[in-house]
Amino acid sequence: MKRRLIIHQPTNFYSNKYRYYNIFFDNLINKLSEIHDVIVDRYQKNVHKGRVNIELGWYDDQDFYVEMQDCELIIEDYDTKETQVLSVADDLTPASLDLQFYDNTKKIFVSQFIRDKVYHHVAKENHHKYYPWIYFPSNEYDLEKYYQKRLQTDPQDSRMYFRGETATRSILQHFDSNVFYGGSPIGGFHSYVNELMNFKLGLSVAGRGEMCYRDVEYMALGVPFIRFQYTTEFLEPLVPNYHYVSVERPDDLRDWMNLDRLGEKHHVDMIVKRYMEVKDDMEFLNFVSKNARTYYENYLSPTASVDFTIKTMGYEI
């Protein structure tokens, strides 16, 4: 059934290409506009500086505002007032929390969905409105080109590899250079990927949220990666030792406020132990990388992520 939809997604010329999720929102809105009658509410002068107030169209006789970030999107059905939220924020936000109390709000999709954390902040009677979702690469890169290059590469370095912000990832200081290579960014995605191509195994370390852009990029590039078992859930589950090399999560890292990026030496020892078990098992590593790449193709690639989201929200015809 064709619907009349209002889509709120605050952006401006500073933020609209900042991360891939901004480009995903463009693609999602374009696809929905092909299917439904869509009015788009987007430009916000100061959204690159922080949250902005967005007016929803729920009521004819009063104003109703919600704070949003550029990593969030809200869809209203103009006729039924049914509302759904998509949030790629690293943490729970006013847009993902404040709307829970209203009957108009039907579904809230959270990329960094840690069930204990969500349920801690959400009233029990509203738990049913909250769903895990998907995640994205850091920006719009030709990942397919690099994947094809990876297929033609015979990586020789068996050390774990990671590059990214190190100031908030204190766990990295405990790795020995015999088993780990990397650290801070080396400048530009092209340089990063060309270096990554030489390594058999990526290391996944939480960023501000547990799920990191690097994880999706590993999957897209066909690079197997090792990490503590996710506490973050995804709408289509990522299976330990099927989509990634999993390290059993210790009791002192099970709390959602204690992500692995803050891990200590004994946590690194657990990762290294699992690494030593798999580093030369190319049959297993190839098995994991192929499964992860298939997951990316089915749910996280540019076209699939849009189609999967539209189907999940019930907006397909």
C-alpha atoms as a PDB file:
ATOM      1  CA  MET A   1       0.000   0.000   0.000  1.00  0.00           C
ATOM      2  CA  LYS A   2       1.361   3.413  -0.954  1.00  0.00           C
ATOM      3  CA  ARG A   3       1.733   5.651   2.076  1.00  0.00           C
ATOM      4  CA  ARG A   4       2.160   9.343   2.772  1.00  0.00           C
ATOM      5  CA  LEU A   5       5.360   9.637   4.799  1.00  0.00           C
ATOM      6  CA  ILE A   6       7.166  12.498   6.505  1.00  0.00           C
ATOM      7  CA  ILE A   7      10.893  11.827   6.927  1.00  0.00           C
ATOM      8  CA  HIS A   8      12.941  13.842   9.424  1.00  0.00           C
ATOM      9  CA  GLN A   9      16.717  13.587   9.127  1.00  0.00           C
ATOM     10  CA  PRO A  10      18.667  16.693  10.138  1.00  0.00           C
ATOM     11  CA  THR A  11      21.659  17.509   7.969  1.00  0.00           C
ATOM     12  CA  ASN A  12      23.579  20.364   6.333  1.00  0.00           C
ATOM     13  CA  PHE A  13      26.572  20.776   4.056  1.00  0.00           C
ATOM     14  CA  TYR A  14      28.997  20.149   6.931  1.00  0.00           C
ATOM     15  CA  SER A  15      27.451  16.865   8.024  1.00  0.00           C
ATOM     16  CA  ASN A  16      25.892  15.343   4.907  1.00  0.00           C
ATOM     17  CA  LYS A  17      29.046  13.441   3.853  1.00  0.00           C
ATOM     18  CA  TYR A  18      30.662  13.113   7.280  1.00  0.00           C
ATOM     19  CA  ARG A  19      29.944   9.393   7.678  1.00  0.00           C
ATOM     20  CA  TYR A  20      28.502   6.692   5.500  1.00  0.00           C
ATOM     21  CA  TYR A  21      25.275   6.654   7.484  1.00  0.00           C
ATOM     22  CA  ASN A  22      24.566  10.142   6.061  1.00  0.00           C
ATOM     23  CA  ILE A  23      24.869   8.701   2.556  1.00  0.00           C
ATOM     24  CA  PHE A  24      22.775   5.696   3.584  1.00  0.00           C
ATOM     25  CA  PHE A  25      20.014   8.078   4.691  1.00  0.00           C
ATOM     26  CA  ASP A  26      20.162   9.748   1.269  1.00  0.00           C
ATOM     27  CA  ASN A  27      19.787   6.379  -0.435  1.00  0.00           C
ATOM     28  CA  LEU A  28      17.021   5.255   1.912  1.00  0.00           C
ATOM     29  CA  ILE A  29      15.012   8.434   1.354  1.00  0.00           C
ATOM     30  CA  ASN A  30      15.460   8.181  -2.410  1.00  0.00           C
ATOM     31  CA  LYS A  31      14.252   4.575  -2.442  1.00  0.00           C
ATOM     32  CA  LEU A  32      11.272   5.307  -0.202  1.00  0.00           C
ATOM     33  CA  SER A  33      10.379   8.228  -2.477  1.00  0.00           C
ATOM     34  CA  GLU A  34      10.130   5.802  -5.393  1.00  0.00           C
ATOM     35  CA  ILE A  35       7.641   3.680  -3.456  1.00  0.00           C
ATOM     36  CA  HIS A  36       5.637   6.174  -1.388  1.00  0.00           C
ATOM     37  CA  ASP A  37       4.530   9.799  -1.341  1.00  0.00           C
ATOM     38  CA  VAL A  38       7.325  11.353   0.719  1.00  0.00           C
ATOM     39  CA  ILE A  39       7.902  14.800   2.196  1.00  0.00           C
ATOM     40  CA  VAL A  40      11.442  15.318   3.530  1.00  0.00           C
ATOM     41  CA  ASP A  41      12.432  17.550   6.451  1.00  0.00           C
ATOM     42  CA  ARG A  42      16.234  17.781   6.535  1.00  0.00           C
ATOM     43  CA  TYR A  43      18.134  21.053   6.499  1.00  0.00           C
ATOM     44  CA  GLN A  44      19.280  22.181   9.931  1.00  0.00           C
ATOM     45  CA  LYS A  45      21.833  24.964  10.098  1.00  0.00           C
ATOM     46  CA  ASN A  46      23.593  23.826  13.298  1.00  0.00           C
ATOM     47  CA  VAL A  47      23.191  20.046  13.394  1.00  0.00           C
ATOM     48  CA  HIS A  48      26.930  19.523  12.802  1.00  0.00           C
ATOM     49  CA  LYS A  49      27.456  21.192  16.191  1.00  0.00           C
ATOM     50  CA  GLY A  50      25.092  18.919  18.125  1.00  0.00           C
ATOM     51  CA  ARG A  51      21.460  18.036  18.675  1.00  0.00           C
ATOM     52  CA  VAL A  52      18.686  20.137  17.190  1.00  0.00           C
ATOM     53  CA  ASN A  53      14.963  20.344  17.886  1.00  0.00           C
ATOM     54  CA  ILE A  54      12.802  18.806  15.168  1.00  0.00           C
ATOM     55  CA  GLU A  55       9.043  19.292  15.048  1.00  0.00           C
ATOM     56  CA  LEU A  56       6.961  16.188  14.447  1.00  0.00           C
ATOM     57  CA  GLY A  57       3.567  16.413  12.797  1.00  0.00           C
ATOM     58  CA  TRP A  58       1.648  14.379  15.331  1.00  0.00           C
ATOM     59  CA  TYR A  59      -0.803  17.046  16.480  1.00  0.00           C
ATOM     60  CA  ASP A  60      -2.822  19.695  14.655  1.00  0.00           C
ATOM     61  CA  ASP A  61      -3.465  21.817  17.747  1.00  0.00           C
ATOM     62  CA  GLN A  62      -0.045  21.813  19.437  1.00  0.00           C
ATOM     63  CA  ASP A  63       3.656  21.731  18.681  1.00  0.00           C
ATOM     64  CA  PHE A  64       5.685  18.603  19.440  1.00  0.00           C
ATOM     65  CA  TYR A  65       9.487  18.575  19.274  1.00  0.00           C
ATOM     66  CA  VAL A  66      12.186  15.957  19.688  1.00  0.00           C
ATOM     67  CA  GLU A  67      15.959  16.413  19.842  1.00  0.00           C
ATOM     68  CA  MET A  68      17.793  14.707  16.980  1.00  0.00           C
ATOM     69  CA  GLN A  69      21.353  14.212  15.733  1.00  0.00           C
ATOM     70  CA  ASP A  70      22.541  13.850  12.160  1.00  0.00           C
ATOM     71  CA  CYS A  71      22.974  10.097  12.749  1.00  0.00           C
ATOM     72  CA  GLU A  72      19.230   9.624  13.300  1.00  0.00           C
ATOM     73  CA  LEU A  73      16.151   9.435  11.115  1.00  0.00           C
ATOM     74  CA  ILE A  74      12.452   9.485  12.032  1.00  0.00           C
ATOM     75  CA  ILE A  75       9.638   8.420   9.715  1.00  0.00           C
ATOM     76  CA  GLU A  76       6.025   9.418  10.359  1.00  0.00           C
ATOM     77  CA  ASP A  77       3.015   8.062   8.531  1.00  0.00           C
ATOM     78  CA  TYR A  78       1.056  11.231   7.854  1.00  0.00           C
ATOM     79  CA  ASP A  79      -2.317   9.506   8.003  1.00  0.00           C
ATOM     80  CA  THR A  80      -1.915   7.044  10.885  1.00  0.00           C
ATOM     81  CA  LYS A  81       0.778   9.007  12.833  1.00  0.00           C
ATOM     82  CA  GLU A  82       2.671   5.706  13.202  1.00  0.00           C
ATOM     83  CA  THR A  83       6.312   6.625  13.805  1.00  0.00           C
ATOM     84  CA  GLN A  84       9.581   4.704  13.565  1.00  0.00           C
ATOM     85  CA  VAL A  85      13.099   5.720  14.567  1.00  0.00           C
ATOM     86  CA  LEU A  86      16.504   4.728  13.181  1.00  0.00           C
ATOM     87  CA  SER A  87      19.538   5.575  15.301  1.00  0.00           C
ATOM     88  CA  VAL A  88      23.205   5.014  14.476  1.00  0.00           C
ATOM     89  CA  ALA A  89      24.302   6.967  17.565  1.00  0.00           C
ATOM     90  CA  ASP A  90      27.029   5.465  19.735  1.00  0.00           C
ATOM     91  CA  ASP A  91      24.800   5.919  22.762  1.00  0.00           C
ATOM     92  CA  LEU A  92      21.108   6.165  23.549  1.00  0.00           C
ATOM     93  CA  THR A  93      19.731   9.619  22.761  1.00  0.00           C
ATOM     94  CA  PRO A  94      16.604  11.730  23.265  1.00  0.00           C
ATOM     95  CA  ALA A  95      15.323  10.570  19.867  1.00  0.00           C
ATOM     96  CA  SER A  96      15.753   6.907  20.789  1.00  0.00           C
ATOM     97  CA  LEU A  97      14.476   7.249  24.370  1.00  0.00           C
ATOM     98  CA  ASP A  98      11.994  10.105  24.709  1.00  0.00           C
ATOM     99  CA  LEU A  99       9.540   8.824  22.100  1.00  0.00           C
ATOM    100  CA  GLN A 100       9.084   5.452  23.820  1.00  0.00           C
ATOM    101  CA  PHE A 101       6.183   6.714  25.934  1.00  0.00           C
ATOM    102  CA  TYR A 102       3.908   7.651  23.045  1.00  0.00           C
ATOM    103  CA  ASP A 103       1.454   5.317  21.352  1.00  0.00           C
ATOM    104  CA  ASN A 104       2.391   6.760  17.947  1.00  0.00           C
ATOM    105  CA  THR A 105       5.880   5.275  18.321  1.00  0.00           C
ATOM    106  CA  LYS A 106       5.843   1.730  16.958  1.00  0.00           C
ATOM    107  CA  LYS A 107       9.491   0.744  16.464  1.00  0.00           C
ATOM    108  CA  ILE A 108      12.872   2.148  17.471  1.00  0.00           C
ATOM    109  CA  PHE A 109      15.896   0.607  15.749  1.00  0.00           C
ATOM    110  CA  VAL A 110      19.267   1.006  17.479  1.00  0.00           C
ATOM    111  CA  SER A 111      22.576   0.143  15.794  1.00  0.00           C
ATOM    112  CA  GLN A 112      24.497  -0.155  19.076  1.00  0.00           C
ATOM    113  CA  PHE A 113      21.880  -2.437  20.601  1.00  0.00           C
ATOM    114  CA  ILE A 114      23.112  -3.893  23.890  1.00  0.00           C
ATOM    115  CA  ARG A 115      19.964  -5.399  25.365  1.00  0.00           C
ATOM    116  CA  ASP A 116      20.855  -4.920  29.049  1.00  0.00           C
ATOM    117  CA  LYS A 117      21.730  -1.286  28.395  1.00  0.00           C
ATOM    118  CA  VAL A 118      18.589  -0.559  26.378  1.00  0.00           C
ATOM    119  CA  TYR A 119      16.311  -2.248  28.901  1.00  0.00           C
ATOM    120  CA  HIS A 120      18.031  -0.412  31.747  1.00  0.00           C
ATOM    121  CA  HIS A 121      16.943   2.909  30.218  1.00  0.00           C
ATOM    122  CA  VAL A 122      13.559   1.890  28.819  1.00  0.00           C
ATOM    123  CA  ALA A 123      10.319   1.294  30.728  1.00  0.00           C
ATOM    124  CA  LYS A 124       9.442  -2.402  30.814  1.00  0.00           C
ATOM    125  CA  GLU A 125       6.126  -1.830  29.046  1.00  0.00           C
ATOM    126  CA  ASN A 126       8.049  -0.308  26.113  1.00  0.00           C
ATOM    127  CA  HIS A 127      10.702  -3.000  25.642  1.00  0.00           C
ATOM    128  CA  HIS A 128       8.751  -4.429  22.711  1.00  0.00           C
ATOM    129  CA  LYS A 129       9.301  -1.230  20.712  1.00  0.00           C
ATOM    130  CA  TYR A 130      13.095  -1.616  20.613  1.00  0.00           C
ATOM    131  CA  TYR A 131      14.983  -3.577  17.960  1.00  0.00           C
ATOM    132  CA  PRO A 132      18.583  -4.144  16.957  1.00  0.00           C
ATOM    133  CA  TRP A 133      19.473  -3.022  13.448  1.00  0.00           C
ATOM    134  CA  ILE A 134      22.623  -2.856  11.256  1.00  0.00           C
ATOM    135  CA  TYR A 135      25.879  -0.907  11.180  1.00  0.00           C
ATOM    136  CA  PHE A 136      27.971   0.813   8.498  1.00  0.00           C
ATOM    137  CA  PRO A 137      31.489   1.441   7.193  1.00  0.00           C
ATOM    138  CA  SER A 138      33.066   4.769   8.084  1.00  0.00           C
ATOM    139  CA  ASN A 139      32.408   6.447   4.748  1.00  0.00           C
ATOM    140  CA  GLU A 140      31.670   5.986   1.050  1.00  0.00           C
ATOM    141  CA  TYR A 141      34.641   4.021  -0.254  1.00  0.00           C
ATOM    142  CA  ASP A 142      34.890   1.658  -3.194  1.00  0.00           C
ATOM    143  CA  LEU A 143      34.983  -1.387  -0.943  1.00  0.00           C
ATOM    144  CA  GLU A 144      34.205  -3.708  -3.836  1.00  0.00           C
ATOM    145  CA  LYS A 145      37.390  -2.635  -5.619  1.00  0.00           C
ATOM    146  CA  TYR A 146      39.454  -3.343  -2.528  1.00  0.00           C
ATOM    147  CA  TYR A 147      37.680  -6.660  -1.972  1.00  0.00           C
ATOM    148  CA  GLN A 148      38.673  -7.759  -5.473  1.00  0.00           C
ATOM    149  CA  LYS A 149      42.234  -6.691  -4.716  1.00  0.00           C
ATOM    150  CA  ARG A 150      42.153  -8.715  -1.497  1.00  0.00           C
ATOM    151  CA  LEU A 151      41.122 -11.808  -3.483  1.00  0.00           C
ATOM    152  CA  GLN A 152      44.273 -11.417  -5.569  1.00  0.00           C
ATOM    153  CA  THR A 153      46.509 -10.873  -2.544  1.00  0.00           C
ATOM    154  CA  ASP A 154      48.401 -13.513  -0.595  1.00  0.00           C
ATOM    155  CA  PRO A 155      48.830 -11.883   2.842  1.00  0.00           C
ATOM    156  CA  GLN A 156      52.005 -12.977   4.591  1.00  0.00           C
ATOM    157  CA  ASP A 157      51.882 -11.205   7.954  1.00  0.00           C
ATOM    158  CA  SER A 158      50.038 -13.349  10.495  1.00  0.00           C
ATOM    159  CA  ARG A 159      49.947 -10.718  13.229  1.00  0.00           C
ATOM    160  CA  MET A 160      46.645  -9.156  14.252  1.00  0.00           C
ATOM    161  CA  TYR A 161      46.116  -5.768  12.608  1.00  0.00           C
ATOM    162  CA  PHE A 162      44.216  -2.680  13.748  1.00  0.00           C
ATOM    163  CA  ARG A 163      44.402   1.024  13.054  1.00  0.00           C
ATOM    164  CA  GLY A 164      42.158   3.666  14.568  1.00  0.00           C
ATOM    165  CA  GLU A 165      41.956   6.128  17.398  1.00  0.00           C
ATOM    166  CA  THR A 166      44.198   4.881  20.218  1.00  0.00           C
ATOM    167  CA  ALA A 167      43.552   7.462  22.949  1.00  0.00           C
ATOM    168  CA  THR A 168      40.264   5.808  23.931  1.00  0.00           C
ATOM    169  CA  ARG A 169      41.494   2.233  23.374  1.00  0.00           C
ATOM    170  CA  SER A 170      43.866   1.644  26.261  1.00  0.00           C
ATOM    171  CA  ILE A 171      43.764  -2.125  25.646  1.00  0.00           C
ATOM    172  CA  LEU A 172      46.077  -1.666  22.641  1.00  0.00           C
ATOM    173  CA  GLN A 173      49.055  -0.720  24.829  1.00  0.00           C
ATOM    174  CA  HIS A 174      49.119  -4.253  26.256  1.00  0.00           C
ATOM    175  CA  PHE A 175      49.709  -6.031  22.931  1.00  0.00           C
ATOM    176  CA  ASP A 176      53.183  -7.235  22.047  1.00  0.00           C
ATOM    177  CA  SER A 177      54.515  -6.373  18.599  1.00  0.00           C
ATOM    178  CA  ASN A 178      55.148 -10.065  17.924  1.00  0.00           C
ATOM    179  CA  VAL A 179      51.397 -10.670  17.704  1.00  0.00           C
ATOM    180  CA  PHE A 180      49.993  -7.226  16.856  1.00  0.00           C
ATOM    181  CA  TYR A 181      50.720  -4.489  14.345  1.00  0.00           C
ATOM    182  CA  GLY A 182      49.047  -1.112  13.970  1.00  0.00           C
ATOM    183  CA  GLY A 183      48.005   1.780  16.145  1.00  0.00           C
ATOM    184  CA  SER A 184      46.958   5.267  15.137  1.00  0.00           C
ATOM    185  CA  PRO A 185      45.596   6.040  11.648  1.00  0.00           C
ATOM    186  CA  ILE A 186      48.232   6.402   8.933  1.00  0.00           C
ATOM    187  CA  GLY A 187      46.373   8.961   6.841  1.00  0.00           C
ATOM    188  CA  GLY A 188      43.705   8.207   4.296  1.00  0.00           C
ATOM    189  CA  PHE A 189      41.609   5.139   3.644  1.00  0.00           C
ATOM    190  CA  HIS A 190      43.659   4.090   0.604  1.00  0.00           C
ATOM    191  CA  SER A 191      46.860   3.914   2.663  1.00  0.00           C
ATOM    192  CA  TYR A 192      45.056   2.077   5.444  1.00  0.00           C
ATOM    193  CA  VAL A 193      43.583  -0.594   3.166  1.00  0.00           C
ATOM    194  CA  ASN A 194      46.803  -1.141   1.238  1.00  0.00           C
ATOM    195  CA  GLU A 195      48.575  -1.818   4.523  1.00  0.00           C
ATOM    196  CA  LEU A 196      45.730  -4.033   5.773  1.00  0.00           C
ATOM    197  CA  MET A 197      46.014  -6.199   2.645  1.00  0.00           C
ATOM    198  CA  ASN A 198      49.303  -7.607   3.952  1.00  0.00           C
ATOM    199  CA  PHE A 199      47.699  -9.110   7.080  1.00  0.00           C
ATOM    200  CA  LYS A 200      45.815 -12.366   7.506  1.00  0.00           C
ATOM    201  CA  LEU A 201      43.733 -11.287  10.481  1.00  0.00           C
ATOM    202  CA  GLY A 202      42.163  -8.058  11.700  1.00  0.00           C
ATOM    203  CA  LEU A 203      41.637  -7.133  15.341  1.00  0.00           C
ATOM    204  CA  SER A 204      38.311  -5.624  16.367  1.00  0.00           C
ATOM    205  CA  VAL A 205      38.297  -3.205  19.290  1.00  0.00           C
ATOM    206  CA  ALA A 206      35.244  -1.234  20.420  1.00  0.00           C
ATOM    207  CA  GLY A 207      35.124   2.467  19.690  1.00  0.00           C
ATOM    208  CA  ARG A 208      32.712   4.850  21.376  1.00  0.00           C
ATOM    209  CA  GLY A 209      30.160   2.088  20.879  1.00  0.00           C
ATOM    210  CA  GLU A 210      30.998  -1.600  20.807  1.00  0.00           C
ATOM    211  CA  MET A 211      30.419  -1.981  17.073  1.00  0.00           C
ATOM    212  CA  CYS A 212      33.134  -0.239  15.085  1.00  0.00           C
ATOM    213  CA  TYR A 213      33.224   0.961  11.460  1.00  0.00           C
ATOM    214  CA  ARG A 214      36.331  -1.160  11.034  1.00  0.00           C
ATOM    215  CA  ASP A 215      34.300  -4.326  11.690  1.00  0.00           C
ATOM    216  CA  VAL A 216      32.023  -3.665   8.724  1.00  0.00           C
ATOM    217  CA  GLU A 217      35.024  -2.776   6.579  1.00  0.00           C
ATOM    218  CA  TYR A 218      36.754  -6.043   7.493  1.00  0.00           C
ATOM    219  CA  MET A 219      33.626  -7.923   6.431  1.00  0.00           C
ATOM    220  CA  ALA A 220      33.359  -6.007   3.171  1.00  0.00           C
ATOM    221  CA  LEU A 221      37.023  -6.602   2.342  1.00  0.00           C
ATOM    222  CA  GLY A 222      36.954 -10.308   3.173  1.00  0.00           C
ATOM    223  CA  VAL A 223      39.368  -9.932   6.091  1.00  0.00           C
ATOM    224  CA  PRO A 224      38.625 -12.255   9.043  1.00  0.00           C
ATOM    225  CA  PHE A 225      38.749 -10.523  12.393  1.00  0.00           C
ATOM    226  CA  ILE A 226      39.099 -11.552  16.009  1.00  0.00           C
ATOM    227  CA  ARG A 227      37.363 -10.006  19.025  1.00  0.00           C
ATOM    228  CA  PHE A 228      35.584 -10.716  22.281  1.00  0.00           C
ATOM    229  CA  GLN A 229      32.101 -12.037  21.626  1.00  0.00           C
ATOM    230  CA  TYR A 230      29.742  -9.183  20.877  1.00  0.00           C
ATOM    231  CA  THR A 231      27.317  -8.025  23.521  1.00  0.00           C
ATOM    232  CA  THR A 232      25.783  -5.848  20.798  1.00  0.00           C
ATOM    233  CA  GLU A 233      22.961  -7.605  18.964  1.00  0.00           C
ATOM    234  CA  PHE A 234      22.095  -7.264  15.297  1.00  0.00           C
ATOM    235  CA  LEU A 235      18.739  -7.778  13.672  1.00  0.00           C
ATOM    236  CA  GLU A 236      20.304 -10.587  11.662  1.00  0.00           C
ATOM    237  CA  PRO A 237      22.693 -12.174  14.191  1.00  0.00           C
ATOM    238  CA  LEU A 238      26.453 -12.255  13.760  1.00  0.00           C
ATOM    239  CA  VAL A 239      27.434 -15.766  14.844  1.00  0.00           C
ATOM    240  CA  PRO A 240      30.641 -16.305  16.864  1.00  0.00           C
ATOM    241  CA  ASN A 241      33.265 -18.399  15.057  1.00  0.00           C
ATOM    242  CA  TYR A 242      31.139 -18.279  11.925  1.00  0.00           C
ATOM    243  CA  HIS A 243      31.174 -14.598  11.007  1.00  0.00           C
ATOM    244  CA  TYR A 244      34.148 -13.639  13.179  1.00  0.00           C
ATOM    245  CA  VAL A 245      36.781 -15.304  15.346  1.00  0.00           C
ATOM    246  CA  SER A 246      35.321 -15.145  18.820  1.00  0.00           C
ATOM    247  CA  VAL A 247      37.025 -14.906  22.193  1.00  0.00           C
ATOM    248  CA  GLU A 248      34.824 -15.834  25.144  1.00  0.00           C
ATOM    249  CA  ARG A 249      33.893 -12.660  26.964  1.00  0.00           C
ATOM    250  CA  PRO A 250      35.202 -12.623  30.575  1.00  0.00           C
ATOM    251  CA  ASP A 251      32.975 -11.791  33.507  1.00  0.00           C
ATOM    252  CA  ASP A 252      34.703  -8.457  34.111  1.00  0.00           C
ATOM    253  CA  LEU A 253      33.845  -7.279  30.578  1.00  0.00           C
ATOM    254  CA  ARG A 254      30.200  -8.328  30.572  1.00  0.00           C
ATOM    255  CA  ASP A 255      28.902  -5.030  31.945  1.00  0.00           C
ATOM    256  CA  TRP A 256      27.692  -2.760  29.142  1.00  0.00           C
ATOM    257  CA  MET A 257      29.574   0.136  30.743  1.00  0.00           C
ATOM    258  CA  ASN A 258      32.884  -1.722  30.474  1.00  0.00           C
ATOM    259  CA  LEU A 259      33.703  -2.177  26.787  1.00  0.00           C
ATOM    260  CA  ASP A 260      36.753  -4.144  25.656  1.00  0.00           C
ATOM    261  CA  ARG A 261      38.567  -0.985  24.519  1.00  0.00           C
ATOM    262  CA  LEU A 262      39.337  -0.431  28.213  1.00  0.00           C
ATOM    263  CA  GLY A 263      40.688  -3.947  28.667  1.00  0.00           C
ATOM    264  CA  GLU A 264      43.819  -4.770  30.616  1.00  0.00           C
ATOM    265  CA  LYS A 265      46.748  -7.153  30.181  1.00  0.00           C
ATOM    266  CA  HIS A 266      44.822 -10.270  31.224  1.00  0.00           C
ATOM    267  CA  HIS A 267      42.183  -9.479  28.594  1.00  0.00           C
ATOM    268  CA  VAL A 268      44.847  -9.206  25.928  1.00  0.00           C
ATOM    269  CA  ASP A 269      46.223 -12.562  27.073  1.00  0.00           C
ATOM    270  CA  MET A 270      42.817 -14.117  26.369  1.00  0.00           C
ATOM    271  CA  ILE A 271      42.761 -12.657  22.859  1.00  0.00           C
ATOM    272  CA  VAL A 272      46.321 -13.783  22.190  1.00  0.00           C
ATOM    273  CA  LYS A 273      45.537 -17.304  23.392  1.00  0.00           C
ATOM    274  CA  ARG A 274      42.671 -17.577  20.903  1.00  0.00           C
ATOM    275  CA  TYR A 275      44.799 -15.941  18.209  1.00  0.00           C
ATOM    276  CA  MET A 276      47.525 -18.571  18.655  1.00  0.00           C
ATOM    277  CA  GLU A 277      44.889 -21.280  18.156  1.00  0.00           C
ATOM    278  CA  VAL A 278      43.705 -19.939  14.796  1.00  0.00           C
ATOM    279  CA  LYS A 279      46.485 -17.870  13.212  1.00  0.00           C
ATOM    280  CA  ASP A 280      47.777 -20.705  11.026  1.00  0.00           C
ATOM    281  CA  ASP A 281      44.423 -22.372  10.392  1.00  0.00           C
ATOM    282  CA  MET A 282      43.767 -20.878   6.965  1.00  0.00           C
ATOM    283  CA  GLU A 283      40.838 -23.198   6.310  1.00  0.00           C
ATOM    284  CA  PHE A 284      39.045 -21.766   9.346  1.00  0.00           C
ATOM    285  CA  LEU A 285      40.045 -18.156   8.635  1.00  0.00           C
ATOM    286  CA  ASN A 286      38.853 -18.455   5.030  1.00  0.00           C
ATOM    287  CA  PHE A 287      35.605 -19.999   6.266  1.00  0.00           C
ATOM    288  CA  VAL A 288      35.017 -17.046   8.607  1.00  0.00           C
ATOM    289  CA  SER A 289      35.953 -14.406   6.055  1.00  0.00           C
ATOM    290  CA  LYS A 290      33.648 -15.873   3.377  1.00  0.00           C
ATOM    291  CA  ASN A 291      30.733 -16.036   5.814  1.00  0.00           C
ATOM    292  CA  ALA A 292      31.342 -12.453   6.931  1.00  0.00           C
ATOM    293  CA  ARG A 293      31.568 -11.255   3.335  1.00  0.00           C
ATOM    294  CA  THR A 294      28.252 -12.984   2.533  1.00  0.00           C
ATOM    295  CA  TYR A 295      26.687 -11.281   5.561  1.00  0.00           C
ATOM    296  CA  TYR A 296      27.949  -7.935   4.277  1.00  0.00           C
ATOM    297  CA  GLU A 297      26.551  -8.596   0.799  1.00  0.00           C
ATOM    298  CA  ASN A 298      23.146  -9.587   2.188  1.00  0.00           C
ATOM    299  CA  TYR A 299      22.642  -6.909   4.842  1.00  0.00           C
ATOM    300  CA  LEU A 300      25.313  -4.189   4.923  1.00  0.00           C
ATOM    301  CA  SER A 301      26.294  -3.377   1.334  1.00  0.00           C
ATOM    302  CA  PRO A 302      24.891  -0.115  -0.135  1.00  0.00           C
ATOM    303  CA  THR A 303      21.900  -1.659  -1.901  1.00  0.00           C
ATOM    304  CA  ALA A 304      21.224  -4.471   0.572  1.00  0.00           C
ATOM    305  CA  SER A 305      21.279  -2.192   3.637  1.00  0.00           C
ATOM    306  CA  VAL A 306      18.564   0.016   2.123  1.00  0.00           C
ATOM    307  CA  ASP A 307      16.388  -2.883   0.971  1.00  0.00           C
ATOM    308  CA  PHE A 308      16.781  -4.748   4.274  1.00  0.00           C
ATOM    309  CA  THR A 309      15.862  -1.641   6.280  1.00  0.00           C
ATOM    310  CA  ILE A 310      12.787  -0.870   4.187  1.00  0.00           C
ATOM    311  CA  LYS A 311      11.598  -4.466   4.535  1.00  0.00           C
ATOM    312  CA  THR A 312      12.312  -4.481   8.271  1.00  0.00           C
ATOM    313  CA  MET A 313      10.309  -1.272   8.786  1.00  0.00           C
ATOM    314  CA  GLY A 314       7.428  -2.643   6.717  1.00  0.00           C
ATOM    315  CA  TYR A 315       7.570  -0.014   3.997  1.00  0.00           C
ATOM    316  CA  GLU A 316       7.964  -2.339   1.046  1.00  0.00           C
ATOM    317  CA  ILE A 317       4.983  -2.779  -1.294  1.00  0.00           C
END
